[in-house]
Amino acid sequence: MITPDKKTKKKNLLTALAIIAFMIFLFLFTLYNVGVFERQI
C-alpha cells in the first residue's frame, strides 16, 4: 500500500478542483447555447 505524501494529496486536490471548475464551465456554456440567459452579441 502506498502512503500518499503531501505533494500527491495537493496534486489530487488541484485535479479535483480543475474537474469541478471545468464541469461548471460546461454547464454554463450549455445554458448560454440553449438560450436560458438573454445575451446581446
C-alpha atoms as a PDB file:
ATOM      1  CA  MET A   1       0.000   0.000   0.000  1.00  0.00           C
ATOM      2  CA  ILE A   2       1.353   3.377  -1.000  1.00  0.00           C
ATOM      3  CA  THR A   3       1.089   6.133   1.588  1.00  0.00           C
ATOM      4  CA  PRO A   4       0.288   9.433  -0.160  1.00  0.00           C
ATOM      5  CA  ASP A   5       2.558  12.292   0.797  1.00  0.00           C
ATOM      6  CA  LYS A   6       1.589  15.956   0.901  1.00  0.00           C
ATOM      7  CA  LYS A   7       2.660  16.550  -2.707  1.00  0.00           C
ATOM      8  CA  THR A   8       0.390  13.810  -4.049  1.00  0.00           C
ATOM      9  CA  LYS A   9      -2.520  14.979  -1.901  1.00  0.00           C
ATOM     10  CA  LYS A  10      -2.110  18.557  -3.139  1.00  0.00           C
ATOM     11  CA  LYS A  11      -1.966  17.376  -6.760  1.00  0.00           C
ATOM     12  CA  ASN A  12      -5.139  15.317  -6.303  1.00  0.00           C
ATOM     13  CA  LEU A  13      -6.913  18.322  -4.765  1.00  0.00           C
ATOM     14  CA  LEU A  14      -5.871  20.556  -7.677  1.00  0.00           C
ATOM     15  CA  THR A  15      -7.053  17.945 -10.173  1.00  0.00           C
ATOM     16  CA  ALA A  16     -10.423  17.656  -8.420  1.00  0.00           C
ATOM     17  CA  LEU A  17     -10.833  21.450  -8.382  1.00  0.00           C
ATOM     18  CA  ALA A  18      -9.921  21.651 -12.067  1.00  0.00           C
ATOM     19  CA  ILE A  19     -12.508  18.993 -12.962  1.00  0.00           C
ATOM     20  CA  ILE A  20     -15.217  20.742 -10.907  1.00  0.00           C
ATOM     21  CA  ALA A  21     -14.397  24.123 -12.490  1.00  0.00           C
ATOM     22  CA  PHE A  22     -14.494  22.539 -15.954  1.00  0.00           C
ATOM     23  CA  MET A  23     -17.898  20.962 -15.215  1.00  0.00           C
ATOM     24  CA  ILE A  24     -19.288  24.333 -14.072  1.00  0.00           C
ATOM     25  CA  PHE A  25     -17.891  25.962 -17.219  1.00  0.00           C
ATOM     26  CA  LEU A  26     -19.537  23.341 -19.453  1.00  0.00           C
ATOM     27  CA  PHE A  27     -22.823  23.710 -17.568  1.00  0.00           C
ATOM     28  CA  LEU A  28     -22.889  27.499 -18.003  1.00  0.00           C
ATOM     29  CA  PHE A  29     -21.756  27.217 -21.641  1.00  0.00           C
ATOM     30  CA  THR A  30     -24.619  24.791 -22.349  1.00  0.00           C
ATOM     31  CA  LEU A  31     -27.131  27.134 -20.719  1.00  0.00           C
ATOM     32  CA  TYR A  32     -25.862  30.002 -22.864  1.00  0.00           C
ATOM     33  CA  ASN A  33     -26.153  27.914 -26.028  1.00  0.00           C
ATOM     34  CA  VAL A  34     -29.681  26.761 -25.141  1.00  0.00           C
ATOM     35  CA  GLY A  35     -30.643  30.406 -24.603  1.00  0.00           C
ATOM     36  CA  VAL A  36     -31.658  30.380 -20.954  1.00  0.00           C
ATOM     37  CA  PHE A  37     -29.889  33.688 -20.433  1.00  0.00           C
ATOM     38  CA  GLU A  38     -30.720  36.694 -22.608  1.00  0.00           C
ATOM     39  CA  ARG A  39     -27.487  37.804 -24.207  1.00  0.00           C
ATOM     40  CA  GLN A  40     -26.627  40.527 -26.661  1.00  0.00           C
ATOM     41  CA  ILE A  41     -23.928  39.877 -29.226  1.00  0.00           C
END
